Amino acid sequence: MPNITYPAPAGALPGYLATPPTGGPWPGVVVIQDVRGMTTDLRRISDRLASEGYLALAPDLYGRGSKPKCVIATVRAHFADAGDAYDDIVAARNYLLSIPRCNGRVGIIGFCMGAGFVLQMAPRGIFDAAAPQYGLAPKNIDVLENSCPVVASYGAKDRIVKRGSASALAATLAKGGVVHDVKEYPTVGHSFMNKSGLPSQFSVVENLAGLAYSAPEAEDAWARIFAFFKAHLSATDEESRLDGREDDDAPAS
C-alpha cells in the first residue's frame, strides 16, 4: 500500500511510498511537499519517480497532530533552518535505506517550500543528490559550497523567489567544486512543474499570479533531473549483483 507511516523522533509520521514496478535494487528519493502539503500533485510526482525506477517516499509534514499547528510549525522550520520537519526528512531517508530493495543511495527532491528544505539538507552529508525546484537558498548560501550534487530549476518570472537566485546558486556550487546543473527558464514563473488541480477556468488566475504549470519547461526539467539522478544514484556493479535477494518487498507499515 502506498500510504504508510514511518518512525521519526517526534513520533510516527504518515507518508506516501511509491514503489517501482520492476525488480530492484532501486535508489531512494525523499519527495518534499510544497506549502499545500500532501496533495494529488505530490502523489503524482512520487508515482512518476517510481515509474522511472526510484523508490519514492513523500513525508506528510502536516500529518502529526493538528493540521493548522503542523502547517505553522513546518513553515517556521523552513525559514528558521531548524525544527521537527528536518528530523522527519532525515527519518524518511533512513526508512528508505531500511527497505531491503533500496540500493543504498538516496536523493532528495522538493518544490517551492520543499525546495528550501532540500537546499538546507544538501550540505549535511546524508543525501547523494539533491533536486530543489524554485527554492529559497539558506540564509548563509556559502554552506552550499559543501553540498552534494545539485540539479535545480527556476523560472525567470518567479514572483516568490527573488531574481538572481539561480545564478547565485550556480556560482556558489561552482565555487565549492560541487557537481551541478542549474537552469533558469526565461518564460515561466513559480510552480511551473506543479499542477494545482484547479478547474481549467482558474488557469487565467494562475497565469496572472505567475503560478501556472507549463509542460515544455516542466518536461525539460524532469529530463535533466532523471539524467542527473541516474548519474549519481545508480547502483554500483556490486550492488547490482544483489538483485537476486529474496526479500523483494518494502516493509509493511
Protein backbone atom coordinates (compact mmCIF):
# COMPACT_ATOMS: atom_id res chain seq x y z
CA MET A 1 0.00 0.00 0.00
CA PRO A 2 1.39 3.45 -0.86
CA ASN A 3 0.01 5.10 2.30
CA ILE A 4 2.36 4.26 5.15
CA THR A 5 3.59 5.51 8.49
CA TYR A 6 7.26 5.57 9.41
CA PRO A 7 9.14 6.23 12.66
CA ALA A 8 10.55 9.69 13.40
CA PRO A 9 11.96 11.34 16.53
CA ALA A 10 8.81 13.38 17.24
CA GLY A 11 6.52 10.41 16.60
CA ALA A 12 5.33 8.30 13.69
CA LEU A 13 4.54 10.26 10.55
CA PRO A 14 2.28 9.39 7.59
CA GLY A 15 3.80 9.27 4.15
CA TYR A 16 3.20 8.16 0.59
CA LEU A 17 5.55 5.43 -0.64
CA ALA A 18 5.64 4.85 -4.40
CA THR A 19 7.39 1.63 -5.43
CA PRO A 20 8.84 0.96 -8.90
CA PRO A 21 7.02 -1.67 -10.98
CA THR A 22 10.20 -3.62 -11.73
CA GLY A 23 12.62 -5.51 -9.50
CA GLY A 24 15.34 -3.62 -7.64
CA PRO A 25 17.59 -2.73 -6.13
CA TRP A 26 16.31 0.82 -6.51
CA PRO A 27 17.72 4.18 -5.49
CA GLY A 28 15.59 6.04 -2.95
CA VAL A 29 14.25 9.57 -3.26
CA VAL A 30 12.65 11.63 -0.50
CA VAL A 31 10.00 13.91 -2.01
CA ILE A 32 9.36 17.14 -0.09
CA GLN A 33 5.99 18.86 -0.40
CA ASP A 34 5.27 22.45 -1.28
CA VAL A 35 3.22 24.56 1.13
CA ARG A 36 -0.01 22.81 0.08
CA GLY A 37 1.02 19.58 1.80
CA MET A 38 0.10 16.02 0.79
CA THR A 39 -1.72 16.73 -2.46
CA THR A 40 -2.69 14.75 -5.52
CA ASP A 41 0.17 16.55 -7.25
CA LEU A 42 2.70 15.31 -4.66
CA ARG A 43 1.47 11.75 -5.15
CA ARG A 44 1.66 12.22 -8.92
CA ILE A 45 5.28 13.34 -8.64
CA SER A 46 6.12 10.40 -6.38
CA ASP A 47 4.46 7.97 -8.81
CA ARG A 48 6.43 9.47 -11.68
CA LEU A 49 9.69 8.94 -9.83
CA ALA A 50 8.66 5.34 -9.14
CA SER A 51 7.84 4.76 -12.81
CA GLU A 52 11.44 5.74 -13.59
CA GLY A 53 12.86 3.23 -11.09
CA TYR A 54 13.10 5.27 -7.88
CA LEU A 55 11.68 4.24 -4.51
CA ALA A 56 9.95 7.50 -3.63
CA LEU A 57 8.77 8.49 -0.17
CA ALA A 58 6.83 11.73 0.35
CA PRO A 59 6.54 12.53 4.07
CA ASP A 60 3.32 14.23 5.13
CA LEU A 61 4.95 17.05 7.08
CA TYR A 62 1.50 18.21 8.20
CA GLY A 63 0.46 14.74 9.30
CA ARG A 64 1.29 14.68 13.01
CA GLY A 65 -1.38 16.31 15.17
CA SER A 66 -3.50 19.35 14.40
CA LYS A 67 -3.04 20.40 10.77
CA PRO A 68 -3.08 24.18 11.44
CA LYS A 69 -0.36 23.77 14.08
CA CYS A 70 1.63 21.49 11.76
CA VAL A 71 1.42 23.99 8.91
CA ILE A 72 2.66 26.82 11.13
CA ALA A 73 5.47 24.71 12.62
CA THR A 74 6.61 23.46 9.22
CA VAL A 75 6.62 26.89 7.59
CA ARG A 76 8.52 28.29 10.56
CA ALA A 77 11.03 25.44 10.31
CA HIS A 78 11.52 26.26 6.63
CA PHE A 79 12.58 29.81 7.45
CA ALA A 80 14.35 29.05 10.75
CA ASP A 81 16.52 26.26 9.31
CA ALA A 82 15.61 24.07 12.30
CA GLY A 83 12.63 22.11 13.62
CA ASP A 84 10.89 18.74 13.59
CA ALA A 85 10.46 18.84 9.81
CA TYR A 86 14.20 18.32 9.34
CA ASP A 87 14.18 15.29 11.64
CA ASP A 88 11.16 13.96 9.71
CA ILE A 89 13.06 14.29 6.43
CA VAL A 90 16.12 12.51 7.81
CA ALA A 91 13.86 9.78 9.21
CA ALA A 92 12.29 9.36 5.75
CA ARG A 93 15.74 8.90 4.28
CA ASN A 94 16.58 6.32 6.95
CA TYR A 95 13.31 4.49 6.31
CA LEU A 96 14.14 4.17 2.63
CA LEU A 97 17.57 2.78 3.49
CA SER A 98 15.89 0.17 5.71
CA ILE A 99 13.98 -1.24 2.74
CA PRO A 100 15.88 -4.32 1.50
CA ARG A 101 15.45 -3.39 -2.16
CA CYS A 102 16.96 0.08 -1.77
CA ASN A 103 20.42 0.21 -3.33
CA GLY A 104 21.89 2.30 -0.50
CA ARG A 105 21.74 5.65 -2.30
CA VAL A 106 19.10 8.26 -1.57
CA GLY A 107 18.37 11.57 -3.28
CA ILE A 108 16.01 14.35 -2.29
CA ILE A 109 13.67 16.49 -4.38
CA GLY A 110 11.37 19.35 -3.44
CA PHE A 111 9.27 22.13 -4.86
CA CYS A 112 8.84 25.70 -3.56
CA MET A 113 8.91 25.37 0.26
CA GLY A 114 10.08 21.80 -0.21
CA ALA A 115 12.98 23.01 -2.33
CA GLY A 116 14.01 25.28 0.52
CA PHE A 117 14.20 22.23 2.76
CA VAL A 118 16.20 20.42 0.06
CA LEU A 119 18.75 23.22 -0.10
CA GLN A 120 19.08 23.10 3.68
CA MET A 121 19.61 19.33 3.65
CA ALA A 122 22.00 19.23 0.67
CA PRO A 123 25.19 20.19 2.59
CA ARG A 124 24.50 17.92 5.57
CA GLY A 125 26.26 14.90 4.10
CA ILE A 126 23.36 12.43 4.15
CA PHE A 127 21.94 12.64 0.62
CA ASP A 128 23.67 11.57 -2.59
CA ALA A 129 21.94 14.09 -4.88
CA ALA A 130 19.54 16.99 -4.43
CA ALA A 131 16.91 18.44 -6.78
CA PRO A 132 15.47 21.74 -5.50
CA GLN A 133 12.93 23.31 -7.83
CA TYR A 134 12.43 27.09 -7.38
CA GLY A 135 13.54 27.09 -3.76
CA LEU A 136 14.80 29.75 -1.38
CA ALA A 137 18.51 29.39 -0.59
CA PRO A 138 19.75 29.12 3.01
CA LYS A 139 20.40 32.41 4.80
CA ASN A 140 24.10 31.64 4.52
CA ILE A 141 24.29 30.41 0.94
CA ASP A 142 28.01 29.66 1.35
CA VAL A 143 27.14 26.43 3.21
CA LEU A 144 26.21 25.03 -0.19
CA GLU A 145 29.86 25.02 -1.18
CA ASN A 146 29.88 21.67 0.67
CA SER A 147 26.69 20.36 -0.92
CA CYS A 148 26.02 17.01 -2.51
CA PRO A 149 25.47 17.20 -6.31
CA VAL A 150 22.57 19.53 -7.20
CA VAL A 151 20.16 19.76 -10.13
CA ALA A 152 17.89 22.81 -9.83
CA SER A 153 15.33 24.67 -11.91
CA TYR A 154 13.98 28.22 -11.68
CA GLY A 155 11.60 30.45 -13.60
CA ALA A 156 12.83 33.90 -14.57
CA LYS A 157 9.32 35.31 -14.00
CA ASP A 158 9.09 33.93 -10.46
CA ARG A 159 7.43 36.44 -8.10
CA ILE A 160 8.27 34.47 -4.94
CA VAL A 161 11.93 33.51 -5.34
CA LYS A 162 13.97 36.63 -5.90
CA ARG A 163 15.63 37.38 -9.21
CA GLY A 164 19.20 36.14 -9.47
CA SER A 165 18.66 33.09 -7.24
CA ALA A 166 19.59 30.65 -9.98
CA SER A 167 22.85 32.40 -10.83
CA ALA A 168 23.73 32.83 -7.14
CA LEU A 169 23.18 29.12 -6.51
CA ALA A 170 25.21 28.10 -9.56
CA ALA A 171 28.08 30.42 -8.57
CA THR A 172 28.16 29.09 -5.01
CA LEU A 173 28.16 25.46 -6.12
CA ALA A 174 30.88 26.19 -8.68
CA LYS A 175 32.99 27.89 -6.02
CA GLY A 176 32.81 24.75 -3.90
CA GLY A 177 33.53 22.43 -6.82
CA VAL A 178 30.09 20.83 -6.45
CA VAL A 179 28.73 18.97 -9.48
CA HIS A 180 25.60 20.83 -10.54
CA ASP A 181 23.05 21.55 -13.24
CA VAL A 182 21.19 24.80 -12.55
CA LYS A 183 18.86 26.20 -15.19
CA GLU A 184 16.57 29.22 -15.29
CA TYR A 185 13.68 29.09 -17.77
CA PRO A 186 13.00 32.56 -19.21
CA THR A 187 9.26 32.40 -19.88
CA VAL A 188 7.83 30.76 -16.73
CA GLY A 189 7.25 31.73 -13.12
CA HIS A 190 6.89 29.90 -9.84
CA SER A 191 5.43 26.36 -9.63
CA PHE A 192 5.80 25.69 -13.36
CA MET A 193 6.34 21.98 -12.59
CA ASN A 194 3.32 21.66 -10.28
CA LYS A 195 -0.27 21.01 -11.26
CA SER A 196 -2.69 22.84 -8.98
CA GLY A 197 -5.64 20.55 -9.62
CA LEU A 198 -7.91 23.56 -10.03
CA PRO A 199 -10.61 23.55 -12.75
CA SER A 200 -9.49 24.88 -16.12
CA GLN A 201 -11.45 28.12 -15.66
CA PHE A 202 -8.90 29.11 -12.99
CA SER A 203 -6.00 28.97 -15.46
CA VAL A 204 -6.27 32.71 -16.12
CA VAL A 205 -5.90 33.40 -12.40
CA GLU A 206 -2.89 31.09 -12.20
CA ASN A 207 -1.27 32.84 -15.15
CA LEU A 208 -1.85 36.26 -13.64
CA ALA A 209 -0.35 35.10 -10.34
CA GLY A 210 2.67 33.61 -12.12
CA LEU A 211 1.94 30.12 -10.75
CA ALA A 212 0.88 28.26 -13.88
CA TYR A 213 2.09 24.80 -14.87
CA SER A 214 4.00 24.78 -18.16
CA ALA A 215 4.53 21.41 -19.79
CA PRO A 216 7.52 22.20 -22.09
CA GLU A 217 9.67 23.59 -19.30
CA ALA A 218 8.44 21.00 -16.79
CA GLU A 219 9.32 18.13 -19.11
CA ASP A 220 12.75 19.59 -19.84
CA ALA A 221 13.37 19.93 -16.10
CA TRP A 222 12.28 16.34 -15.48
CA ALA A 223 14.61 15.08 -18.23
CA ARG A 224 17.51 16.89 -16.54
CA ILE A 225 16.54 15.56 -13.12
CA PHE A 226 16.33 11.95 -14.29
CA ALA A 227 19.65 12.19 -16.13
CA PHE A 228 21.27 13.69 -13.03
CA PHE A 229 19.77 11.14 -10.66
CA LYS A 230 20.84 8.32 -12.97
CA ALA A 231 24.42 9.58 -12.81
CA HIS A 232 24.51 9.99 -9.02
CA LEU A 233 22.08 7.44 -7.60
CA SER A 234 22.61 4.36 -9.78
CA ALA A 235 23.77 1.14 -8.19
CA THR A 236 27.37 0.02 -8.38
CA ASP A 237 28.21 -3.27 -10.06
CA GLU A 238 28.44 -4.93 -6.64
CA GLU A 239 25.02 -3.63 -5.61
CA SER A 240 23.51 -4.69 -8.91
CA ARG A 241 24.57 -8.27 -8.20
CA LEU A 242 22.30 -8.16 -5.12
CA ASP A 243 19.30 -8.10 -7.44
CA GLY A 244 18.66 -11.72 -6.58
CA ARG A 245 17.95 -11.03 -2.91
CA GLU A 246 14.92 -12.94 -1.65
CA ASP A 247 13.34 -10.04 0.26
CA ASP A 248 11.66 -8.25 -2.63
CA ASP A 249 9.06 -6.22 -0.82
CA ALA A 250 9.12 -2.93 1.02
CA PRO A 251 8.41 -3.30 4.74
CA ALA A 252 4.79 -3.07 5.74
CA SER A 253 3.74 -0.16 7.90
